[in-house]
Amino acid sequence: PALLLHEFSHCYHNLKSETVDSIISKAYDKAMKSGRYDQLGEKWEHLRYTALKDHYEFFAESSEAFFSSARFHNECIPYLHQELEMFDPVAFAMCEEVWGVRGEDVVSREEFPERWHERVVFGDGAPLD
């Protein structure tokens, strides 16, 4: 399902490019200059080939995380809505502006399982509570 959202994000970006492309480009440039993506370890290398490729992929990957929850999540960090807000507030604000949705209004925003980081970081494979 997240793949569908990813591709839909590309479609939306293309359809609304006159109004949203500059917002997305500015957010991408700011995020790349921040250095936060350079601090990711080998485990997150996949992100470098997706979200960091260009501003189109940055928007699509950020949108996946923005609308994600514990049941429906992005395949790379940031995985969930709340994680995107903590990891990259610029991308989070971009999604709010482009999609016209306040982050606090996204239903999944409260779905941040207690053991999520343990499972993701340490890969213990334990089911989420």
N, C-alpha and C. Protein backbone atom coordinates (compact mmCIF):
# COMPACT_ATOMS: atom_id res chain seq x y z
N PRO A 1 0.80 -1.22 0.00
CA PRO A 1 0.00 0.00 0.00
C PRO A 1 0.83 1.27 0.00
N ALA A 2 1.98 1.28 0.69
CA ALA A 2 2.80 2.49 0.71
C ALA A 2 3.34 2.79 -0.68
N LEU A 3 3.58 1.76 -1.46
CA LEU A 3 4.05 1.96 -2.83
C LEU A 3 3.01 2.72 -3.65
N LEU A 4 1.75 2.41 -3.45
CA LEU A 4 0.68 3.13 -4.16
C LEU A 4 0.67 4.60 -3.77
N LEU A 5 0.84 4.87 -2.49
CA LEU A 5 0.90 6.25 -2.03
C LEU A 5 2.11 6.96 -2.63
N HIS A 6 3.22 6.27 -2.70
CA HIS A 6 4.43 6.83 -3.30
C HIS A 6 4.17 7.26 -4.74
N GLU A 7 3.60 6.36 -5.52
CA GLU A 7 3.33 6.66 -6.93
C GLU A 7 2.25 7.73 -7.09
N PHE A 8 1.25 7.69 -6.23
CA PHE A 8 0.22 8.73 -6.24
C PHE A 8 0.84 10.09 -5.96
N SER A 9 1.82 10.13 -5.06
CA SER A 9 2.51 11.38 -4.74
C SER A 9 3.20 11.95 -5.96
N HIS A 10 3.81 11.07 -6.76
CA HIS A 10 4.43 11.54 -8.02
C HIS A 10 3.38 12.13 -8.94
N CYS A 11 2.24 11.47 -9.06
CA CYS A 11 1.16 11.97 -9.92
C CYS A 11 0.68 13.33 -9.44
N TYR A 12 0.46 13.45 -8.15
CA TYR A 12 0.00 14.71 -7.57
C TYR A 12 1.03 15.82 -7.83
N HIS A 13 2.29 15.50 -7.62
CA HIS A 13 3.37 16.46 -7.85
C HIS A 13 3.33 16.94 -9.30
N ASN A 14 3.20 16.01 -10.23
CA ASN A 14 3.16 16.39 -11.65
C ASN A 14 1.93 17.21 -11.99
N LEU A 15 0.78 16.83 -11.47
CA LEU A 15 -0.46 17.56 -11.75
C LEU A 15 -0.46 18.97 -11.17
N LYS A 16 0.15 19.13 -10.02
CA LYS A 16 0.15 20.42 -9.32
C LYS A 16 1.51 21.11 -9.37
N SER A 17 2.34 20.73 -10.33
CA SER A 17 3.73 21.19 -10.33
C SER A 17 3.86 22.71 -10.32
N GLU A 18 2.96 23.42 -10.96
CA GLU A 18 3.07 24.88 -10.98
C GLU A 18 2.97 25.50 -9.59
N THR A 19 2.20 24.86 -8.72
CA THR A 19 2.02 25.43 -7.38
C THR A 19 2.87 24.75 -6.31
N VAL A 20 3.23 23.50 -6.49
CA VAL A 20 3.94 22.78 -5.42
C VAL A 20 5.42 22.52 -5.69
N ASP A 21 5.85 22.61 -6.92
CA ASP A 21 7.24 22.24 -7.22
C ASP A 21 8.25 23.12 -6.48
N SER A 22 7.98 24.41 -6.39
CA SER A 22 8.94 25.28 -5.69
C SER A 22 8.96 24.99 -4.19
N ILE A 23 7.81 24.64 -3.62
CA ILE A 23 7.74 24.28 -2.19
C ILE A 23 8.58 23.03 -1.94
N ILE A 24 8.41 22.04 -2.81
CA ILE A 24 9.13 20.77 -2.67
C ILE A 24 10.62 20.96 -2.90
N SER A 25 10.98 21.71 -3.93
CA SER A 25 12.40 21.96 -4.23
C SER A 25 13.11 22.67 -3.09
N LYS A 26 12.46 23.68 -2.53
CA LYS A 26 13.06 24.42 -1.41
C LYS A 26 13.24 23.52 -0.19
N ALA A 27 12.24 22.70 0.09
CA ALA A 27 12.33 21.79 1.24
C ALA A 27 13.45 20.77 1.02
N TYR A 28 13.55 20.24 -0.19
CA TYR A 28 14.60 19.27 -0.53
C TYR A 28 15.98 19.90 -0.33
N ASP A 29 16.17 21.10 -0.89
CA ASP A 29 17.47 21.77 -0.75
C ASP A 29 17.81 22.03 0.71
N LYS A 30 16.84 22.48 1.47
CA LYS A 30 17.06 22.77 2.89
C LYS A 30 17.39 21.49 3.66
N ALA A 31 16.68 20.42 3.37
CA ALA A 31 16.93 19.14 4.05
C ALA A 31 18.32 18.60 3.70
N MET A 32 18.73 18.72 2.44
CA MET A 32 20.04 18.23 2.04
C MET A 32 21.15 19.04 2.69
N LYS A 33 20.94 20.34 2.82
CA LYS A 33 21.95 21.20 3.44
C LYS A 33 22.03 21.01 4.96
N SER A 34 20.96 20.49 5.54
CA SER A 34 20.92 20.33 7.00
C SER A 34 21.92 19.29 7.51
N GLY A 35 22.28 18.33 6.66
CA GLY A 35 23.22 17.28 7.04
C GLY A 35 22.59 16.12 7.78
N ARG A 36 21.31 16.20 8.09
CA ARG A 36 20.68 15.12 8.88
C ARG A 36 20.67 13.80 8.11
N TYR A 37 20.59 13.86 6.80
CA TYR A 37 20.58 12.62 6.02
C TYR A 37 21.99 12.04 5.87
N ASP A 38 23.00 12.88 6.04
CA ASP A 38 24.39 12.40 5.96
C ASP A 38 24.77 11.59 7.19
N GLN A 39 24.02 11.75 8.27
CA GLN A 39 24.33 11.08 9.53
C GLN A 39 23.75 9.68 9.63
N LEU A 40 23.05 9.25 8.61
CA LEU A 40 22.46 7.92 8.64
C LEU A 40 23.53 6.87 8.41
N GLY A 41 23.44 5.78 9.12
CA GLY A 41 24.41 4.71 8.98
C GLY A 41 24.13 3.82 7.77
N GLU A 42 24.94 2.79 7.63
CA GLU A 42 24.80 1.85 6.52
C GLU A 42 23.42 1.22 6.44
N LYS A 43 22.83 1.00 7.60
CA LYS A 43 21.53 0.35 7.66
C LYS A 43 20.48 1.12 6.86
N TRP A 44 20.67 2.43 6.74
CA TRP A 44 19.68 3.27 6.06
C TRP A 44 20.15 3.68 4.67
N GLU A 45 21.12 2.98 4.12
CA GLU A 45 21.68 3.32 2.80
C GLU A 45 20.60 3.39 1.72
N HIS A 46 19.56 2.55 1.85
CA HIS A 46 18.47 2.55 0.87
C HIS A 46 17.89 3.95 0.69
N LEU A 47 17.83 4.71 1.77
CA LEU A 47 17.26 6.05 1.72
C LEU A 47 18.04 6.95 0.78
N ARG A 48 19.34 6.76 0.70
CA ARG A 48 20.17 7.59 -0.17
C ARG A 48 19.81 7.42 -1.64
N TYR A 49 19.29 6.26 -1.99
CA TYR A 49 18.95 5.99 -3.39
C TYR A 49 17.49 6.26 -3.70
N THR A 50 16.73 6.62 -2.70
CA THR A 50 15.33 6.93 -2.93
C THR A 50 15.08 8.39 -2.61
N ALA A 51 14.85 8.71 -1.38
CA ALA A 51 14.46 10.07 -0.98
C ALA A 51 15.50 11.11 -1.35
N LEU A 52 16.76 10.74 -1.36
CA LEU A 52 17.81 11.73 -1.60
C LEU A 52 18.16 11.89 -3.07
N LYS A 53 17.57 11.08 -3.92
CA LYS A 53 17.89 11.11 -5.35
C LYS A 53 17.59 12.47 -5.97
N ASP A 54 16.41 12.99 -5.74
CA ASP A 54 16.00 14.29 -6.25
C ASP A 54 14.76 14.75 -5.49
N HIS A 55 14.28 15.93 -5.81
CA HIS A 55 13.15 16.47 -5.04
C HIS A 55 11.85 15.70 -5.30
N TYR A 56 11.74 15.03 -6.43
CA TYR A 56 10.55 14.22 -6.70
C TYR A 56 10.48 13.02 -5.74
N GLU A 57 11.60 12.32 -5.61
CA GLU A 57 11.64 11.17 -4.71
C GLU A 57 11.56 11.60 -3.25
N PHE A 58 12.16 12.73 -2.94
CA PHE A 58 12.10 13.27 -1.58
C PHE A 58 10.64 13.49 -1.17
N PHE A 59 9.86 14.09 -2.07
CA PHE A 59 8.45 14.34 -1.77
C PHE A 59 7.67 13.03 -1.65
N ALA A 60 7.90 12.10 -2.55
CA ALA A 60 7.16 10.83 -2.52
C ALA A 60 7.49 10.02 -1.27
N GLU A 61 8.76 9.93 -0.91
CA GLU A 61 9.16 9.19 0.30
C GLU A 61 8.66 9.89 1.56
N SER A 62 8.74 11.20 1.58
CA SER A 62 8.25 11.96 2.74
C SER A 62 6.75 11.79 2.88
N SER A 63 6.04 11.76 1.76
CA SER A 63 4.59 11.58 1.79
C SER A 63 4.22 10.21 2.35
N GLU A 64 4.99 9.19 1.98
CA GLU A 64 4.75 7.85 2.54
C GLU A 64 4.81 7.90 4.06
N ALA A 65 5.87 8.51 4.58
CA ALA A 65 6.03 8.59 6.03
C ALA A 65 4.95 9.47 6.66
N PHE A 66 4.61 10.56 6.00
CA PHE A 66 3.62 11.51 6.53
C PHE A 66 2.27 10.84 6.76
N PHE A 67 1.86 9.99 5.85
CA PHE A 67 0.56 9.34 5.95
C PHE A 67 0.64 7.93 6.55
N SER A 68 1.81 7.53 7.02
CA SER A 68 2.01 6.18 7.53
C SER A 68 1.59 5.99 8.97
N SER A 69 1.47 4.73 9.34
CA SER A 69 1.17 4.33 10.71
C SER A 69 1.90 3.03 10.98
N ALA A 70 1.66 2.44 12.11
CA ALA A 70 2.30 1.16 12.44
C ALA A 70 1.84 0.05 11.49
N ARG A 71 0.64 0.17 10.96
CA ARG A 71 0.11 -0.86 10.06
C ARG A 71 0.46 -0.61 8.61
N PHE A 72 0.74 0.61 8.27
CA PHE A 72 0.94 1.03 6.90
C PHE A 72 2.11 2.00 6.91
N HIS A 73 3.33 1.49 6.76
CA HIS A 73 4.48 2.36 6.96
C HIS A 73 5.43 2.38 5.78
N ASN A 74 6.24 3.41 5.77
CA ASN A 74 7.28 3.58 4.77
C ASN A 74 8.29 2.44 4.90
N GLU A 75 8.99 2.11 3.82
CA GLU A 75 9.93 0.99 3.86
C GLU A 75 11.32 1.40 4.34
N CYS A 76 11.54 2.69 4.54
CA CYS A 76 12.83 3.14 5.06
C CYS A 76 12.60 4.30 6.02
N ILE A 77 13.62 4.62 6.78
CA ILE A 77 13.50 5.70 7.75
C ILE A 77 13.27 7.02 7.03
N PRO A 78 12.44 7.88 7.46
CA PRO A 78 11.50 7.76 8.57
C PRO A 78 10.30 6.90 8.17
N TYR A 79 9.94 5.97 9.02
CA TYR A 79 8.89 5.00 8.72
C TYR A 79 7.49 5.55 8.94
N LEU A 80 7.32 6.29 10.02
CA LEU A 80 5.99 6.68 10.47
C LEU A 80 5.81 8.19 10.50
N HIS A 81 4.56 8.60 10.56
CA HIS A 81 4.18 10.01 10.62
C HIS A 81 4.96 10.77 11.70
N GLN A 82 4.90 10.29 12.91
CA GLN A 82 5.55 10.98 14.03
C GLN A 82 7.08 10.95 13.88
N GLU A 83 7.58 9.90 13.31
CA GLU A 83 9.03 9.79 13.11
C GLU A 83 9.50 10.82 12.09
N LEU A 84 8.71 11.06 11.05
CA LEU A 84 9.06 12.08 10.07
C LEU A 84 9.13 13.45 10.74
N GLU A 85 8.16 13.73 11.59
CA GLU A 85 8.14 15.02 12.28
C GLU A 85 9.39 15.21 13.14
N MET A 86 9.83 14.15 13.81
CA MET A 86 11.02 14.23 14.66
C MET A 86 12.31 14.25 13.83
N PHE A 87 12.37 13.40 12.80
CA PHE A 87 13.59 13.25 12.01
C PHE A 87 13.84 14.43 11.08
N ASP A 88 12.78 14.86 10.38
CA ASP A 88 12.94 15.94 9.41
C ASP A 88 11.74 16.87 9.43
N PRO A 89 11.76 17.87 10.32
CA PRO A 89 10.65 18.80 10.42
C PRO A 89 10.41 19.59 9.13
N VAL A 90 11.45 19.77 8.33
CA VAL A 90 11.29 20.48 7.05
C VAL A 90 10.43 19.65 6.10
N ALA A 91 10.71 18.37 6.00
CA ALA A 91 9.91 17.49 5.14
C ALA A 91 8.47 17.39 5.65
N PHE A 92 8.34 17.35 6.97
CA PHE A 92 7.01 17.28 7.58
C PHE A 92 6.20 18.52 7.22
N ALA A 93 6.80 19.70 7.37
CA ALA A 93 6.12 20.96 7.04
C ALA A 93 5.80 21.02 5.54
N MET A 94 6.71 20.51 4.71
CA MET A 94 6.47 20.47 3.27
C MET A 94 5.22 19.65 2.97
N CYS A 95 5.10 18.49 3.59
CA CYS A 95 3.93 17.64 3.37
C CYS A 95 2.65 18.34 3.82
N GLU A 96 2.71 18.99 4.95
CA GLU A 96 1.54 19.73 5.42
C GLU A 96 1.10 20.77 4.39
N GLU A 97 2.07 21.52 3.88
CA GLU A 97 1.76 22.59 2.94
C GLU A 97 1.29 22.05 1.59
N VAL A 98 2.01 21.09 1.05
CA VAL A 98 1.67 20.57 -0.28
C VAL A 98 0.34 19.82 -0.26
N TRP A 99 0.14 18.97 0.74
CA TRP A 99 -1.10 18.18 0.81
C TRP A 99 -2.26 18.97 1.40
N GLY A 100 -1.97 20.10 2.05
CA GLY A 100 -3.03 20.90 2.67
C GLY A 100 -3.65 20.20 3.86
N VAL A 101 -2.83 19.44 4.57
CA VAL A 101 -3.29 18.67 5.74
C VAL A 101 -2.38 19.00 6.91
N ARG A 102 -2.96 19.40 8.02
CA ARG A 102 -2.15 19.62 9.22
C ARG A 102 -1.75 18.27 9.79
N GLY A 103 -0.51 18.14 10.16
CA GLY A 103 -0.02 16.88 10.70
C GLY A 103 -0.82 16.39 11.89
N GLU A 104 -1.23 17.30 12.73
CA GLU A 104 -1.99 16.90 13.91
C GLU A 104 -3.37 16.35 13.57
N ASP A 105 -3.82 16.57 12.34
CA ASP A 105 -5.13 16.05 11.91
C ASP A 105 -5.04 14.68 11.26
N VAL A 106 -3.83 14.20 11.01
CA VAL A 106 -3.67 12.88 10.39
C VAL A 106 -4.02 11.83 11.44
N VAL A 107 -4.96 10.98 11.11
CA VAL A 107 -5.48 9.99 12.06
C VAL A 107 -4.38 9.13 12.66
N SER A 108 -3.40 8.76 11.87
CA SER A 108 -2.36 7.83 12.32
C SER A 108 -1.32 8.46 13.23
N ARG A 109 -1.41 9.74 13.49
CA ARG A 109 -0.34 10.42 14.23
C ARG A 109 -0.11 9.85 15.62
N GLU A 110 -1.12 9.26 16.23
CA GLU A 110 -0.97 8.69 17.56
C GLU A 110 -0.42 7.27 17.54
N GLU A 111 -0.34 6.67 16.38
CA GLU A 111 0.06 5.27 16.28
C GLU A 111 1.58 5.14 16.22
N PHE A 112 2.18 5.21 17.34
CA PHE A 112 3.63 5.08 17.43
C PHE A 112 3.91 4.03 18.50
N PRO A 113 3.96 2.77 18.11
CA PRO A 113 4.10 1.68 19.08
C PRO A 113 5.31 1.86 19.99
N GLU A 114 5.14 1.50 21.21
CA GLU A 114 6.17 1.65 22.23
C GLU A 114 7.49 0.99 21.81
N ARG A 115 7.41 -0.17 21.17
CA ARG A 115 8.62 -0.92 20.83
C ARG A 115 9.08 -0.69 19.40
N TRP A 116 8.52 0.28 18.71
CA TRP A 116 8.84 0.47 17.29
C TRP A 116 10.34 0.64 17.06
N HIS A 117 10.98 1.56 17.77
CA HIS A 117 12.40 1.80 17.56
C HIS A 117 13.24 0.58 17.91
N GLU A 118 12.84 -0.14 18.93
CA GLU A 118 13.57 -1.35 19.30
C GLU A 118 13.56 -2.34 18.13
N ARG A 119 12.41 -2.51 17.53
CA ARG A 119 12.28 -3.45 16.42
C ARG A 119 13.07 -2.97 15.20
N VAL A 120 12.96 -1.70 14.90
CA VAL A 120 13.61 -1.15 13.72
C VAL A 120 15.12 -1.08 13.89
N VAL A 121 15.56 -0.53 15.00
CA VAL A 121 16.99 -0.32 15.21
C VAL A 121 17.74 -1.62 15.47
N PHE A 122 17.17 -2.48 16.30
CA PHE A 122 17.86 -3.70 16.67
C PHE A 122 17.41 -4.91 15.88
N GLY A 123 16.32 -4.77 15.12
CA GLY A 123 15.84 -5.85 14.28
C GLY A 123 15.50 -7.11 15.03
N ASP A 124 14.86 -6.97 16.20
CA ASP A 124 14.57 -8.16 17.00
C ASP A 124 13.43 -8.99 16.42
N GLY A 125 12.71 -8.44 15.43
CA GLY A 125 11.65 -9.20 14.78
C GLY A 125 10.42 -9.44 15.64
N ALA A 126 10.40 -8.87 16.82
CA ALA A 126 9.26 -9.07 17.72
C ALA A 126 8.03 -8.38 17.14
N PRO A 127 6.87 -8.99 17.31
CA PRO A 127 5.65 -8.34 16.82
C PRO A 127 5.40 -7.05 17.59
N LEU A 128 4.84 -6.08 16.91
CA LEU A 128 4.52 -4.82 17.56
C LEU A 128 3.30 -4.98 18.44
N ASP A 129 3.32 -4.31 19.57
CA ASP A 129 2.19 -4.35 20.50
C ASP A 129 1.05 -3.50 19.98
